[in-house]
Amino acid sequence: MKAMVLKARRTPLVLEDRPDPVPGPGEICVEIEACAVCRTDLHVVDGDLPDGKLPIVPGHEIVGRVTATGDDVSSLKFSQRVGIPWLGHTCGQCEYCATERENLCDEPLFTGYTRDGGFATHVIADADFAFPMEGFDDPAAAAPLMCAGLIGWRSLKMAGSGDRIGLYGFGAAAHILIQVLTWQGREVYAFTRDGDAAAQAHARSLGAVWAGASEERPPEDLDAAILFAPVGALVPLALRAVKKGGRVVCGGIHMSDIPAFPYHILWEERKLLSVANLTREDAREFLKVAPEAGVKTNITRYPLSQANEALDDLRAGRFQGAAVLIP
């Protein structure tokens, strides 16, 4: 197999030849058809998430075919297409796992962070954390659903049922979630970096009723705002944009420091929430909703060997939607 490997934080990935992996009990080996590139991968490479395994193969938005199964695997079959997300294993015994909050597990494993991920030709995964992908005929188009889609869905669940939803940061997650929101009949207000006309036009093309800079006030008070951009300074801006009782949901795994803000913009029962990881139930729900909502991803394809270029382009905002590596 071939893999793009991170050997030290803040250094380029290195292409390596490795022995083909063999699944253990409860595991599967997957030949990767596509792996999307997530902002979390940038946080891993750039050292924002410092406690992961090294060396590591990043990537956690994986779609591929099962090539081998270990002992005790009966749920998945040879050549079956599956999706593999960020959450790769949980202990099943801690208080969080026991109360249907496995996303907060005390002893988890994360794909592409604490276990090798999808910037490769093959990957090992727990069979219980891989999801059948029947009906998703284009693996490259489906790959961003495995994190950008799932985190967007979990963020939306936390945001509540309000009609007016603001999305701060219009990248991979937002361009998927807006399609679900418009299918549900809600109004979407898109916030981008100042002067990013391309992102604002992209948001309008997908149904946003308004698109502007993050510093602008929307024309209507929002019921909820979801922050996908990892910028702490957006939190006070979003709190000012939501109405009384509104919610601000931080959808990223990492964010720069939140600046001090006056209490009155949180008062009147506004809520500030964070999203941590995902659950398998989130995945099952969203993989049912996405086809019903007619979700289509906007992707830019890169060969596996150009993973560093894909990361650089994501960091610089050189494309709309998501980057996807094709082994």
Protein backbone atom coordinates (compact mmCIF):
# COMPACT_ATOMS: atom_id res chain seq x y z
CA MET A 1 0.00 0.00 0.00
CA LYS A 2 0.95 3.66 -0.30
CA ALA A 3 0.32 6.32 2.32
CA MET A 4 0.95 10.03 2.86
CA VAL A 5 2.47 10.16 6.35
CA LEU A 6 2.82 13.01 8.85
CA LYS A 7 6.08 12.40 10.73
CA ALA A 8 6.32 15.69 12.63
CA ARG A 9 3.90 18.55 13.22
CA ARG A 10 4.08 21.46 10.80
CA THR A 11 6.02 19.47 8.19
CA PRO A 12 4.89 18.21 4.78
CA LEU A 13 3.44 14.72 4.47
CA VAL A 14 5.77 12.07 3.04
CA LEU A 15 4.70 9.39 0.54
CA GLU A 16 5.61 5.92 1.85
CA ASP A 17 5.30 2.34 0.65
CA ARG A 18 4.01 0.09 3.43
CA PRO A 19 3.00 -3.56 3.72
CA ASP A 20 -0.68 -4.18 3.00
CA PRO A 21 -2.54 -4.09 6.34
CA VAL A 22 -4.26 -7.15 7.82
CA PRO A 23 -7.46 -6.71 9.85
CA GLY A 24 -7.65 -8.07 13.38
CA PRO A 25 -10.74 -9.33 15.23
CA GLY A 26 -13.69 -7.03 14.65
CA GLU A 27 -11.84 -5.08 11.97
CA ILE A 28 -12.03 -4.66 8.21
CA CYS A 29 -9.48 -3.69 5.59
CA VAL A 30 -10.78 -1.14 3.10
CA GLU A 31 -9.29 -0.27 -0.27
CA ILE A 32 -9.83 3.48 -0.42
CA GLU A 33 -11.65 4.96 -3.38
CA ALA A 34 -11.69 8.54 -2.08
CA CYS A 35 -10.82 10.52 1.04
CA ALA A 36 -11.93 14.11 1.50
CA VAL A 37 -9.64 16.67 3.11
CA CYS A 38 -11.05 18.26 6.26
CA ARG A 39 -10.07 21.36 8.20
CA THR A 40 -9.43 18.99 11.11
CA ASP A 41 -6.64 17.46 9.01
CA LEU A 42 -5.11 20.94 8.90
CA HIS A 43 -5.36 21.15 12.69
CA VAL A 44 -3.57 17.78 12.97
CA VAL A 45 -0.81 18.74 10.52
CA ASP A 46 -0.39 22.26 11.89
CA GLY A 47 -0.12 21.10 15.50
CA ASP A 48 -3.34 22.67 16.75
CA LEU A 49 -4.30 19.20 18.05
CA PRO A 50 -1.00 18.18 19.63
CA ASP A 51 -1.76 14.91 21.40
CA GLY A 52 -2.32 12.57 18.47
CA LYS A 53 -0.20 9.66 17.31
CA LEU A 54 3.01 10.21 15.34
CA PRO A 55 3.78 9.18 12.73
CA ILE A 56 0.19 9.24 11.49
CA VAL A 57 -1.66 8.90 8.21
CA PRO A 58 -4.25 11.72 8.29
CA GLY A 59 -7.71 11.59 6.74
CA HIS A 60 -11.11 10.64 8.15
CA GLU A 61 -13.64 11.21 5.36
CA ILE A 62 -13.14 7.84 3.72
CA VAL A 63 -15.14 5.87 1.18
CA GLY A 64 -13.91 2.54 -0.14
CA ARG A 65 -14.47 -1.17 -0.65
CA VAL A 66 -14.00 -3.93 1.93
CA THR A 67 -11.14 -6.19 0.84
CA ALA A 68 -10.79 -8.35 3.98
CA THR A 69 -12.58 -8.95 7.26
CA GLY A 70 -11.21 -10.09 10.58
CA ASP A 71 -12.71 -12.62 12.94
CA ASP A 72 -16.14 -11.82 14.38
CA VAL A 73 -17.15 -9.57 11.49
CA SER A 74 -20.48 -10.53 9.94
CA SER A 75 -22.13 -7.16 9.30
CA LEU A 76 -20.00 -6.23 6.29
CA LYS A 77 -19.04 -8.25 3.24
CA PHE A 78 -16.21 -8.43 0.73
CA SER A 79 -16.33 -5.64 -1.90
CA GLN A 80 -19.10 -3.77 -0.02
CA ARG A 81 -18.74 0.01 -0.22
CA VAL A 82 -18.44 1.64 3.21
CA GLY A 83 -17.80 5.06 4.72
CA ILE A 84 -15.37 5.59 7.60
CA PRO A 85 -15.66 8.74 9.77
CA TRP A 86 -13.60 10.56 12.41
CA LEU A 87 -14.87 8.52 15.38
CA GLY A 88 -13.16 5.17 14.89
CA HIS A 89 -13.68 3.31 18.18
CA THR A 90 -15.20 3.76 21.62
CA CYS A 91 -14.78 1.82 24.84
CA GLY A 92 -18.48 1.00 25.18
CA GLN A 93 -18.21 1.03 28.99
CA CYS A 94 -17.72 4.57 30.28
CA GLU A 95 -20.60 6.71 31.54
CA TYR A 96 -20.89 8.47 28.19
CA CYS A 97 -21.05 5.30 26.12
CA ALA A 98 -23.59 3.90 28.57
CA THR A 99 -25.86 6.94 28.13
CA GLU A 100 -25.89 7.19 24.31
CA ARG A 101 -23.18 9.87 24.29
CA GLU A 102 -20.38 7.87 22.72
CA ASN A 103 -19.08 11.02 21.04
CA LEU A 104 -17.77 11.95 24.52
CA CYS A 105 -16.19 8.54 25.22
CA ASP A 106 -13.33 8.58 27.72
CA GLU A 107 -11.14 6.23 25.64
CA PRO A 108 -11.92 6.84 21.96
CA LEU A 109 -9.84 6.33 18.83
CA PHE A 110 -10.03 8.87 16.03
CA THR A 111 -9.39 8.07 12.40
CA GLY A 112 -6.43 9.98 11.03
CA TYR A 113 -5.44 11.28 14.46
CA THR A 114 -4.90 8.42 16.92
CA ARG A 115 -5.17 5.64 14.32
CA ASP A 116 -4.05 5.73 10.70
CA GLY A 117 -6.56 7.24 8.31
CA GLY A 118 -7.44 7.69 4.69
CA PHE A 119 -4.60 9.57 2.98
CA ALA A 120 -3.59 6.16 1.66
CA THR A 121 -4.62 3.33 -0.63
CA HIS A 122 -5.80 1.08 2.25
CA VAL A 123 -6.99 1.52 5.82
CA ILE A 124 -7.97 -0.66 8.78
CA ALA A 125 -11.20 0.23 10.57
CA ASP A 126 -13.49 -1.20 13.24
CA ALA A 127 -16.39 -2.85 11.43
CA ASP A 128 -18.84 -1.36 13.95
CA PHE A 129 -17.71 2.16 12.97
CA ALA A 130 -17.97 1.73 9.20
CA PHE A 131 -21.23 2.53 7.43
CA PRO A 132 -22.72 0.83 4.36
CA MET A 133 -22.87 3.25 1.43
CA GLU A 134 -25.30 1.57 -0.94
CA GLY A 135 -26.78 4.10 -3.31
CA PHE A 136 -23.79 6.44 -3.15
CA ASP A 137 -22.42 5.69 -6.58
CA ASP A 138 -19.66 8.32 -6.74
CA PRO A 139 -17.22 7.71 -3.87
CA ALA A 140 -15.47 11.05 -4.37
CA ALA A 141 -18.75 12.96 -4.10
CA ALA A 142 -19.75 10.93 -1.03
CA ALA A 143 -16.47 11.30 0.88
CA PRO A 144 -17.16 14.81 2.31
CA LEU A 145 -20.38 13.50 3.84
CA MET A 146 -18.35 11.47 6.32
CA CYS A 147 -17.27 14.52 8.35
CA ALA A 148 -18.33 17.80 6.79
CA GLY A 149 -21.80 16.33 6.41
CA LEU A 150 -21.93 14.54 9.76
CA ILE A 151 -20.64 17.44 11.84
CA GLY A 152 -23.01 19.77 10.02
CA TRP A 153 -25.90 17.44 10.85
CA ARG A 154 -24.96 17.18 14.53
CA SER A 155 -24.53 20.95 14.71
CA LEU A 156 -27.96 21.42 13.19
CA LYS A 157 -29.53 19.09 15.75
CA MET A 158 -28.00 21.21 18.51
CA ALA A 159 -29.11 24.45 16.83
CA GLY A 160 -32.76 23.51 17.16
CA SER A 161 -35.78 23.90 14.92
CA GLY A 162 -35.70 27.65 14.25
CA ASP A 163 -36.51 29.05 10.83
CA ARG A 164 -33.59 31.46 10.35
CA ILE A 165 -30.14 29.85 10.54
CA GLY A 166 -26.82 31.64 10.13
CA LEU A 167 -23.76 29.76 8.85
CA TYR A 168 -20.42 31.37 9.65
CA GLY A 169 -17.67 30.07 7.36
CA PHE A 170 -18.95 28.80 4.03
CA GLY A 171 -16.73 25.81 3.32
CA ALA A 172 -17.25 22.07 3.03
CA ALA A 173 -19.66 21.65 5.96
CA ALA A 174 -21.77 24.73 5.20
CA HIS A 175 -22.16 23.93 1.50
CA ILE A 176 -23.65 20.55 2.47
CA LEU A 177 -25.77 21.76 5.39
CA ILE A 178 -27.37 24.60 3.42
CA GLN A 179 -28.85 22.02 1.06
CA VAL A 180 -30.46 20.19 3.98
CA LEU A 181 -31.75 23.45 5.45
CA THR A 182 -33.33 24.67 2.22
CA TRP A 183 -34.88 21.20 1.70
CA GLN A 184 -36.39 21.60 5.18
CA GLY A 185 -37.81 24.99 4.18
CA ARG A 186 -35.61 27.12 6.42
CA GLU A 187 -33.90 30.42 5.60
CA VAL A 188 -30.10 30.42 5.49
CA TYR A 189 -27.90 33.46 6.09
CA ALA A 190 -24.29 32.89 4.99
CA PHE A 191 -21.34 34.70 6.57
CA THR A 192 -17.92 34.69 4.91
CA ARG A 193 -14.60 36.46 5.13
CA ASP A 194 -14.89 40.11 4.16
CA GLY A 195 -14.64 40.46 0.39
CA ASP A 196 -14.99 36.75 -0.39
CA ALA A 197 -17.36 37.27 -3.29
CA ALA A 198 -16.86 33.72 -4.59
CA ALA A 199 -18.01 32.11 -1.33
CA GLN A 200 -20.96 34.49 -1.09
CA ALA A 201 -22.00 33.73 -4.66
CA HIS A 202 -21.65 30.01 -3.94
CA ALA A 203 -23.91 30.37 -0.90
CA ARG A 204 -26.56 32.24 -2.89
CA SER A 205 -26.44 29.65 -5.66
CA LEU A 206 -27.31 27.00 -3.06
CA GLY A 207 -30.27 28.94 -1.70
CA ALA A 208 -28.98 31.42 0.88
CA VAL A 209 -31.45 34.29 1.25
CA TRP A 210 -28.58 36.58 2.28
CA ALA A 211 -24.78 36.39 2.12
CA GLY A 212 -22.30 38.88 3.51
CA ALA A 213 -19.20 39.42 5.61
CA SER A 214 -19.00 37.93 9.10
CA GLU A 215 -18.83 41.42 10.60
CA GLU A 216 -22.16 42.44 9.08
CA ARG A 217 -25.50 42.23 10.87
CA PRO A 218 -28.01 40.10 8.96
CA PRO A 219 -31.22 41.79 7.83
CA GLU A 220 -33.23 39.63 10.26
CA ASP A 221 -32.45 38.35 13.75
CA LEU A 222 -31.43 34.69 13.62
CA ASP A 223 -32.96 31.81 15.54
CA ALA A 224 -29.56 30.10 15.61
CA ALA A 225 -26.05 30.43 14.23
CA ILE A 226 -23.56 27.65 13.49
CA LEU A 227 -19.86 28.49 13.39
CA PHE A 228 -17.72 26.35 11.10
CA ALA A 229 -14.85 28.85 10.80
CA PRO A 230 -12.34 28.21 13.63
CA VAL A 231 -12.26 31.88 14.62
CA GLY A 232 -13.13 32.72 18.22
CA ALA A 233 -13.83 36.36 17.36
CA LEU A 234 -16.93 35.19 15.51
CA VAL A 235 -18.63 34.08 18.74
CA PRO A 236 -19.57 37.59 19.97
CA LEU A 237 -20.65 38.54 16.45
CA ALA A 238 -22.93 35.51 16.27
CA LEU A 239 -24.36 36.19 19.73
CA ARG A 240 -25.28 39.68 18.59
CA ALA A 241 -26.96 38.25 15.48
CA VAL A 242 -29.27 35.76 17.25
CA LYS A 243 -32.50 36.80 18.88
CA LYS A 244 -33.57 36.24 22.48
CA GLY A 245 -33.45 32.55 23.31
CA GLY A 246 -31.26 31.91 20.25
CA ARG A 247 -28.40 29.45 20.05
CA VAL A 248 -24.82 29.76 18.83
CA VAL A 249 -23.22 26.40 18.02
CA CYS A 250 -19.46 26.05 17.56
CA GLY A 251 -19.06 23.19 15.10
CA GLY A 252 -15.28 22.80 14.99
CA ILE A 253 -12.83 20.70 17.00
CA HIS A 254 -10.48 23.67 17.39
CA MET A 255 -11.01 27.41 17.57
CA SER A 256 -8.84 30.41 18.33
CA ASP A 257 -9.47 32.09 21.68
CA ILE A 258 -12.85 33.72 22.18
CA PRO A 259 -12.39 37.39 23.11
CA ALA A 260 -14.09 38.95 26.13
CA PHE A 261 -17.61 40.16 25.40
CA PRO A 262 -20.31 41.98 27.38
CA TYR A 263 -22.74 39.81 29.27
CA HIS A 264 -25.79 41.51 27.75
CA ILE A 265 -25.23 39.79 24.36
CA LEU A 266 -25.48 36.40 26.09
CA TRP A 267 -28.31 37.43 28.40
CA GLU A 268 -31.98 36.80 27.55
CA GLU A 269 -31.38 33.06 27.51
CA ARG A 270 -29.11 32.91 24.51
CA LYS A 271 -27.08 29.70 24.53
CA LEU A 272 -23.49 29.03 23.50
CA LEU A 273 -22.80 25.37 22.66
CA SER A 274 -20.00 23.23 21.23
CA VAL A 275 -20.10 20.09 19.14
CA ALA A 276 -17.74 17.22 19.96
CA ASN A 277 -17.21 14.49 17.40
CA LEU A 278 -20.27 12.48 16.36
CA THR A 279 -22.20 9.33 17.19
CA ARG A 280 -22.98 6.38 14.97
CA GLU A 281 -26.64 7.34 15.21
CA ASP A 282 -25.77 10.74 13.74
CA ALA A 283 -24.21 8.92 10.78
CA ARG A 284 -27.17 6.62 10.24
CA GLU A 285 -29.57 9.58 10.36
CA PHE A 286 -27.60 11.78 8.01
CA LEU A 287 -26.84 9.08 5.44
CA LYS A 288 -30.59 8.60 5.17
CA VAL A 289 -31.34 12.35 4.97
CA ALA A 290 -28.65 13.30 2.44
CA PRO A 291 -30.17 11.43 -0.54
CA GLU A 292 -33.69 12.51 0.42
CA ALA A 293 -32.54 16.15 0.47
CA GLY A 294 -30.74 15.73 -2.86
CA VAL A 295 -27.39 16.78 -1.39
CA LYS A 296 -24.68 17.25 -4.00
CA THR A 297 -21.12 18.05 -3.04
CA ASN A 298 -18.88 20.48 -4.87
CA ILE A 299 -15.48 18.76 -4.97
CA THR A 300 -11.99 19.41 -6.28
CA ARG A 301 -10.08 16.18 -6.94
CA TYR A 302 -6.39 15.63 -6.24
CA PRO A 303 -4.23 12.51 -6.67
CA LEU A 304 -3.06 11.00 -3.39
CA SER A 305 0.50 12.18 -4.02
CA GLN A 306 -0.73 15.80 -4.01
CA ALA A 307 -2.13 15.70 -0.47
CA ASN A 308 0.19 18.54 0.59
CA GLU A 309 -1.12 20.72 -2.24
CA ALA A 310 -4.70 19.94 -1.25
CA LEU A 311 -3.98 20.95 2.36
CA ASP A 312 -2.32 24.18 1.21
CA ASP A 313 -5.27 25.02 -1.06
CA LEU A 314 -7.71 24.39 1.79
CA ARG A 315 -5.67 26.58 4.12
CA ALA A 316 -5.66 29.39 1.55
CA GLY A 317 -9.33 29.00 0.55
CA ARG A 318 -8.52 28.38 -3.12
CA PHE A 319 -11.63 26.30 -3.88
CA GLN A 320 -15.34 26.16 -3.02
CA GLY A 321 -16.70 23.04 -1.35
CA ALA A 322 -14.31 20.20 -0.51
CA ALA A 323 -11.00 18.75 -1.67
CA VAL A 324 -10.93 14.99 -2.25
CA LEU A 325 -7.89 12.73 -2.62
CA ILE A 326 -8.16 9.91 -5.15
CA PRO A 327 -5.65 7.08 -4.64
